[in-house]
N, C-alpha and C. Protein backbone atom coordinates (compact mmCIF):
# COMPACT_ATOMS: atom_id res chain seq x y z
N MET A 1 0.43 -1.62 0.08
CA MET A 1 -0.03 -0.16 -0.13
C MET A 1 0.69 1.19 -0.09
N SER A 2 2.17 1.52 0.64
CA SER A 2 2.38 2.68 0.87
C SER A 2 3.43 2.93 -0.38
N ASP A 3 3.62 1.91 -1.34
CA ASP A 3 4.10 2.32 -2.70
C ASP A 3 2.94 2.77 -3.95
N GLU A 4 1.84 2.19 -3.11
CA GLU A 4 0.90 3.11 -4.32
C GLU A 4 0.59 4.46 -3.71
N LEU A 5 0.25 4.66 -2.44
CA LEU A 5 0.38 5.85 -1.87
C LEU A 5 1.84 6.62 -2.49
N TYR A 6 2.92 6.36 -2.02
CA TYR A 6 3.76 7.26 -2.50
C TYR A 6 3.64 7.76 -4.36
N THR A 7 3.24 6.55 -4.65
CA THR A 7 2.85 7.31 -6.55
C THR A 7 1.71 8.17 -6.60
N TYR A 8 1.04 7.75 -5.70
CA TYR A 8 -0.15 8.57 -5.65
C TYR A 8 0.46 10.65 -5.37
N LYS A 9 0.64 10.30 -4.21
CA LYS A 9 1.55 11.70 -3.74
C LYS A 9 1.95 12.34 -4.84
N LEU A 10 3.08 11.59 -5.42
CA LEU A 10 3.75 12.36 -6.65
C LEU A 10 2.79 12.48 -7.93
N GLU A 11 2.30 11.94 -8.17
CA GLU A 11 0.76 12.34 -8.80
C GLU A 11 0.49 13.60 -9.27
N ILE A 12 -0.06 13.61 -7.88
CA ILE A 12 -0.82 14.70 -7.18
C ILE A 12 -0.01 16.12 -7.43
N ILE A 13 1.30 15.55 -6.92
CA ILE A 13 2.32 16.74 -6.69
C ILE A 13 2.48 17.35 -8.11
N LEU A 14 2.93 16.31 -9.16
CA LEU A 14 2.96 17.09 -10.64
C LEU A 14 1.81 17.27 -11.33
N GLU A 15 0.67 16.97 -10.99
CA GLU A 15 -0.29 17.76 -11.44
C GLU A 15 -0.60 19.44 -10.53
N HIS A 16 -0.39 19.24 -10.02
CA HIS A 16 0.12 21.03 -8.95
C HIS A 16 0.70 21.65 -10.07
N LEU A 17 2.34 21.03 -9.69
CA LEU A 17 2.72 21.96 -10.49
C LEU A 17 2.44 22.06 -12.25
N ASP A 18 1.98 21.20 -12.71
CA ASP A 18 1.26 21.51 -13.98
C ASP A 18 0.19 22.64 -14.37
N VAL A 19 -0.53 22.59 -13.06
CA VAL A 19 -1.48 23.51 -12.98
C VAL A 19 -0.94 24.94 -12.97
N VAL A 20 0.24 25.07 -11.52
CA VAL A 20 0.96 26.23 -11.62
C VAL A 20 1.55 26.88 -12.78
N GLN A 21 2.10 25.66 -13.62
CA GLN A 21 3.20 26.34 -14.67
C GLN A 21 2.15 26.69 -15.72
N LYS A 22 0.84 26.48 -15.96
CA LYS A 22 -0.18 26.98 -17.16
C LYS A 22 -0.47 28.26 -16.26
N ARG A 23 -0.50 28.58 -14.98
CA ARG A 23 -1.07 30.04 -14.37
C ARG A 23 -0.11 30.70 -14.91
N PHE A 24 0.87 30.05 -14.24
CA PHE A 24 2.22 30.93 -14.03
C PHE A 24 2.77 31.46 -15.41
N SER A 25 2.01 30.99 -16.60
CA SER A 25 3.07 31.11 -18.35
C SER A 25 2.07 32.70 -18.37
N LYS A 26 0.93 33.23 -17.59
CA LYS A 26 0.26 34.31 -17.95
C LYS A 26 0.75 35.49 -17.33
N VAL A 27 2.27 35.28 -16.14
CA VAL A 27 2.61 36.20 -15.28
C VAL A 27 4.07 36.45 -16.18
N SER A 28 4.11 37.77 -16.21
CA SER A 28 5.27 37.93 -16.75
C SER A 28 6.59 38.66 -16.12
N ILE A 29 6.54 39.37 -14.96
CA ILE A 29 6.96 40.20 -14.00
C ILE A 29 6.23 39.84 -12.49
N PRO A 30 7.06 40.19 -11.11
CA PRO A 30 6.56 39.81 -10.24
C PRO A 30 4.76 40.94 -10.18
N ALA A 31 5.17 42.11 -10.29
CA ALA A 31 4.01 42.59 -10.35
C ALA A 31 2.64 42.55 -10.89
N ASP A 32 2.66 41.75 -12.06
CA ASP A 32 1.67 41.20 -12.41
C ASP A 32 0.75 40.67 -11.67
N PHE A 33 1.27 40.10 -10.85
CA PHE A 33 0.28 39.57 -9.52
C PHE A 33 -0.57 40.30 -8.51
N VAL A 34 -0.25 41.65 -8.98
CA VAL A 34 -0.70 42.46 -7.76
C VAL A 34 -1.65 43.82 -8.70
N ALA A 35 -1.21 43.88 -10.19
CA ALA A 35 -1.28 45.05 -10.95
C ALA A 35 -3.03 44.61 -11.27
N SER A 36 -3.61 43.81 -11.35
CA SER A 36 -5.17 43.30 -11.82
C SER A 36 -5.75 42.40 -11.09
N GLU A 37 -7.24 42.53 -11.04
CA GLU A 37 -8.03 41.23 -10.22
C GLU A 37 -7.64 39.76 -10.38
N GLU A 38 -7.62 40.25 -11.73
CA GLU A 38 -6.96 38.54 -12.73
C GLU A 38 -5.59 38.12 -12.01
N GLY A 39 -4.76 39.45 -12.04
CA GLY A 39 -3.32 38.78 -11.15
C GLY A 39 -3.18 38.40 -9.77
N LYS A 40 -4.18 39.17 -8.88
CA LYS A 40 -4.37 38.40 -7.86
C LYS A 40 -5.11 37.14 -7.58
N MET A 41 -6.07 36.93 -8.70
CA MET A 41 -6.97 35.20 -8.37
C MET A 41 -5.96 34.38 -8.67
N LEU A 42 -4.63 35.02 -10.08
CA LEU A 42 -3.79 33.77 -10.02
C LEU A 42 -2.91 33.55 -9.04
N LEU A 43 -2.67 34.74 -8.41
CA LEU A 43 -1.70 34.40 -7.03
C LEU A 43 -2.16 34.01 -6.09
N ASP A 44 -3.32 33.91 -5.96
CA ASP A 44 -4.01 32.96 -4.73
C ASP A 44 -4.27 31.81 -5.26
N SER A 45 -4.24 31.45 -6.53
CA SER A 45 -4.63 29.68 -6.76
C SER A 45 -3.35 29.37 -7.10
N ILE A 46 -2.35 29.81 -7.32
CA ILE A 46 -1.10 29.43 -7.58
C ILE A 46 -0.27 29.38 -6.22
N VAL A 47 -0.71 30.15 -5.19
CA VAL A 47 -0.40 29.90 -3.70
C VAL A 47 -1.14 28.36 -3.18
N THR A 48 -2.14 28.55 -3.78
CA THR A 48 -3.06 27.44 -3.18
C THR A 48 -2.23 26.02 -3.55
N ARG A 49 -1.75 25.89 -4.69
CA ARG A 49 -1.23 24.88 -5.21
C ARG A 49 0.14 24.60 -4.49
N LEU A 50 0.81 25.75 -4.53
CA LEU A 50 2.18 25.33 -3.81
C LEU A 50 1.82 25.11 -2.33
N GLN A 51 1.31 25.35 -1.79
CA GLN A 51 0.63 24.78 -0.01
C GLN A 51 0.24 23.18 -0.44
N ALA A 52 -0.33 22.71 -1.30
CA ALA A 52 -0.89 21.56 -1.82
C ALA A 52 0.45 20.89 -1.95
N ILE A 53 1.27 21.08 -2.63
CA ILE A 53 2.59 20.87 -3.13
C ILE A 53 3.39 20.36 -2.05
N GLY A 54 3.26 21.40 -0.91
CA GLY A 54 4.09 21.41 0.66
C GLY A 54 3.44 20.49 1.11
N GLU A 55 2.18 20.26 1.22
CA GLU A 55 1.63 19.38 2.22
C GLU A 55 1.92 18.03 1.49
N ASN A 56 2.08 17.48 0.19
CA ASN A 56 2.24 16.57 -0.03
C ASN A 56 3.29 15.82 0.27
N THR A 57 4.33 16.99 -0.11
CA THR A 57 5.44 17.03 0.60
C THR A 57 6.31 16.34 1.51
N LYS A 58 5.13 16.93 2.58
CA LYS A 58 5.58 16.39 3.63
C LYS A 58 5.31 15.33 4.24
N THR A 59 4.24 14.88 3.47
CA THR A 59 3.70 13.45 4.12
C THR A 59 4.63 12.18 3.10
N ILE A 60 5.44 12.56 2.45
CA ILE A 60 6.07 12.12 1.69
C ILE A 60 7.39 11.94 2.36
N LEU A 61 7.80 13.07 2.94
CA LEU A 61 9.39 13.15 4.00
C LEU A 61 9.15 12.32 5.22
N ALA A 62 7.46 12.84 5.62
CA ALA A 62 7.73 11.92 7.07
C ALA A 62 7.22 10.36 6.92
N LYS A 63 7.19 9.68 5.72
CA LYS A 63 7.35 8.42 5.75
C LYS A 63 8.29 7.86 5.25
N LYS A 64 9.01 8.77 5.09
CA LYS A 64 10.46 8.54 4.40
C LYS A 64 10.39 7.36 2.98
N TRP A 65 9.87 7.86 2.39
CA TRP A 65 9.27 7.14 1.12
C TRP A 65 10.44 7.89 0.07
N LEU A 66 10.64 8.84 0.63
CA LEU A 66 11.73 9.49 -0.73
C LEU A 66 13.09 9.72 0.29
N ASP A 67 14.70 9.34 -0.18
CA ASP A 67 15.55 9.67 0.04
C ASP A 67 15.99 11.05 -0.56
N GLU A 68 16.01 12.21 0.48
CA GLU A 68 16.56 13.32 0.07
C GLU A 68 17.23 13.34 -0.52
N SER A 69 18.60 12.92 -0.19
CA SER A 69 19.89 13.12 -0.23
C SER A 69 20.17 12.45 -2.41
N GLU A 70 19.03 11.71 -2.66
CA GLU A 70 19.36 11.65 -3.83
C GLU A 70 18.89 12.70 -5.21
N TYR A 71 18.17 13.88 -4.29
CA TYR A 71 18.16 15.23 -5.50
C TYR A 71 18.64 16.31 -4.42
N PRO A 72 19.69 16.27 -4.18
CA PRO A 72 20.72 17.53 -3.62
C PRO A 72 19.95 18.84 -3.97
N GLU A 73 19.57 19.05 -4.95
CA GLU A 73 19.30 20.04 -5.83
C GLU A 73 18.11 20.72 -5.29
N ILE A 74 17.04 19.76 -4.82
CA ILE A 74 15.97 20.74 -4.24
C ILE A 74 15.74 20.54 -2.78
N HIS A 75 15.60 21.71 -2.13
CA HIS A 75 15.52 22.02 -0.92
C HIS A 75 14.16 21.33 -0.65
N TRP A 76 14.07 20.59 0.08
CA TRP A 76 12.68 19.70 0.29
C TRP A 76 12.11 20.52 1.68
N ASP A 77 13.23 20.68 2.81
CA ASP A 77 12.88 21.37 3.86
C ASP A 77 12.07 22.62 3.24
N ARG A 78 12.69 23.41 2.73
CA ARG A 78 12.08 24.80 2.31
C ARG A 78 10.49 24.88 1.36
N ILE A 79 10.61 23.90 1.11
CA ILE A 79 9.34 23.38 0.36
C ILE A 79 8.07 23.26 1.69
N VAL A 80 8.42 22.37 2.48
CA VAL A 80 7.53 21.90 3.69
C VAL A 80 7.56 23.35 4.42
N ARG A 81 8.51 23.94 4.72
CA ARG A 81 8.70 25.34 5.43
C ARG A 81 7.55 26.26 5.03
N PHE A 82 7.74 26.23 3.34
CA PHE A 82 7.29 27.40 2.78
C PHE A 82 5.32 27.15 3.18
N ARG A 83 5.06 25.75 2.97
CA ARG A 83 3.67 25.16 3.06
C ARG A 83 3.09 25.79 4.32
N ASP A 84 4.06 25.35 5.58
CA ASP A 84 3.59 26.03 6.63
C ASP A 84 3.60 27.74 6.77
N PHE A 85 4.40 28.53 5.86
CA PHE A 85 4.19 29.88 6.15
C PHE A 85 2.97 30.27 5.48
N ILE A 86 2.64 29.99 4.16
CA ILE A 86 1.38 30.24 3.61
C ILE A 86 0.21 29.71 4.86
N SER A 87 0.37 28.61 5.37
CA SER A 87 -1.02 28.13 5.92
C SER A 87 -1.39 28.67 7.31
N HIS A 88 0.02 29.34 7.54
CA HIS A 88 0.02 30.44 9.16
C HIS A 88 0.17 31.76 8.90
N HIS A 89 0.52 31.94 8.00
CA HIS A 89 0.63 33.67 8.06
C HIS A 89 0.47 33.82 6.22
N TYR A 90 -0.25 33.74 5.78
CA TYR A 90 -0.73 34.11 4.37
C TYR A 90 -0.63 35.89 4.07
N GLU A 91 -1.03 36.26 5.15
CA GLU A 91 -1.43 37.86 4.82
C GLU A 91 0.28 38.14 4.73
N MET A 92 1.42 37.60 5.38
CA MET A 92 2.48 38.23 5.12
C MET A 92 3.37 37.88 4.03
N LEU A 93 2.38 36.90 2.64
CA LEU A 93 3.10 36.35 1.68
C LEU A 93 3.63 37.63 1.01
N ASP A 94 4.91 37.81 0.05
CA ASP A 94 5.39 38.54 -0.48
C ASP A 94 5.30 37.70 -2.26
N TYR A 95 4.37 38.43 -3.11
CA TYR A 95 4.39 38.10 -4.33
C TYR A 95 5.48 37.42 -5.06
N GLU A 96 6.83 39.01 -4.85
CA GLU A 96 8.04 38.78 -5.39
C GLU A 96 8.28 37.13 -5.30
N ILE A 97 8.49 36.79 -3.89
CA ILE A 97 8.84 34.87 -3.51
C ILE A 97 8.27 33.99 -4.30
N VAL A 98 6.95 34.16 -4.40
CA VAL A 98 6.17 33.15 -5.04
C VAL A 98 6.12 33.36 -6.61
N PHE A 99 6.71 34.73 -7.34
CA PHE A 99 7.10 34.47 -8.69
C PHE A 99 8.71 33.92 -8.72
N GLU A 100 9.47 34.13 -7.61
CA GLU A 100 11.08 33.27 -7.74
C GLU A 100 11.04 31.91 -7.78
N ILE A 101 9.95 31.31 -6.48
CA ILE A 101 9.32 29.94 -6.68
C ILE A 101 9.55 29.61 -7.82
N CYS A 102 8.37 30.04 -8.41
CA CYS A 102 7.81 30.06 -9.61
C CYS A 102 8.82 29.84 -11.10
N LYS A 103 9.36 30.76 -11.43
CA LYS A 103 10.44 30.98 -12.37
C LYS A 103 11.67 29.99 -11.84
N ASN A 104 12.37 29.55 -11.09
CA ASN A 104 13.32 29.25 -10.94
C ASN A 104 13.50 27.72 -10.13
N TYR A 105 12.54 27.30 -9.32
CA TYR A 105 12.48 25.96 -8.75
C TYR A 105 11.64 25.08 -9.03
N LEU A 106 10.10 25.70 -9.63
CA LEU A 106 9.69 24.65 -9.99
C LEU A 106 9.97 23.97 -11.14
N PRO A 107 10.55 24.25 -11.99
CA PRO A 107 11.09 23.75 -13.29
C PRO A 107 11.58 22.31 -12.74
N SER A 108 12.82 22.62 -11.98
CA SER A 108 13.66 21.63 -11.20
C SER A 108 12.84 20.56 -10.31
N LEU A 109 12.03 20.77 -9.53
CA LEU A 109 11.15 20.32 -9.00
C LEU A 109 10.26 19.11 -9.69
N GLN A 110 9.38 19.85 -10.95
CA GLN A 110 9.04 19.08 -11.61
C GLN A 110 9.63 17.90 -12.80
N LEU A 111 10.75 18.31 -12.99
CA LEU A 111 11.69 17.42 -13.62
C LEU A 111 11.97 16.29 -12.65
N VAL A 112 12.25 16.45 -11.21
CA VAL A 112 12.57 15.69 -10.23
C VAL A 112 11.55 14.58 -10.09
N ILE A 113 10.40 14.81 -9.80
CA ILE A 113 9.12 14.35 -9.62
C ILE A 113 8.43 13.49 -10.64
N SER A 114 8.84 13.95 -11.97
CA SER A 114 8.75 12.98 -13.04
C SER A 114 10.01 11.61 -13.40
N LYS A 115 10.95 12.25 -13.35
CA LYS A 115 11.93 11.23 -12.79
C LYS A 115 11.85 9.95 -11.76
N GLU A 116 11.42 10.51 -10.39
CA GLU A 116 10.71 9.38 -9.71
C GLU A 116 9.79 8.47 -9.43
N LEU A 117 8.86 9.43 -10.32
CA LEU A 117 7.60 8.70 -10.75
C LEU A 117 8.02 7.13 -12.06
N HIS A 118 8.59 7.58 -12.99
CA HIS A 118 9.22 6.73 -13.81
C HIS A 118 10.32 6.10 -13.67
N LYS A 119 11.00 5.55 -12.49
CA LYS A 119 11.80 4.94 -11.85
C LYS A 119 11.35 3.37 -12.05
């Protein structure tokens, strides 16, 4: 059962990453998140998906299904901590950090999750 649940969690993370990438494609600069109502909705929806990615990552790490040392380029602890920050301090969220995460970190996370799924 744990192998099935692990695969399911990875698939869920990948699905969230796909949705974030599609939504983020409409954002060119950080200010796009706050310049219009559509931008604010994109920010909220992307942050919700990032929170879900963090929650599923937290479960995977807690169950020790993933060897963190196998993918040193991914900061697993930061993913979980960001999820906790979103959950408890949403009003302090910095849209520029969300932009940076989407632009610079999610593509490599997506590659690693895909690689892990196809082992």
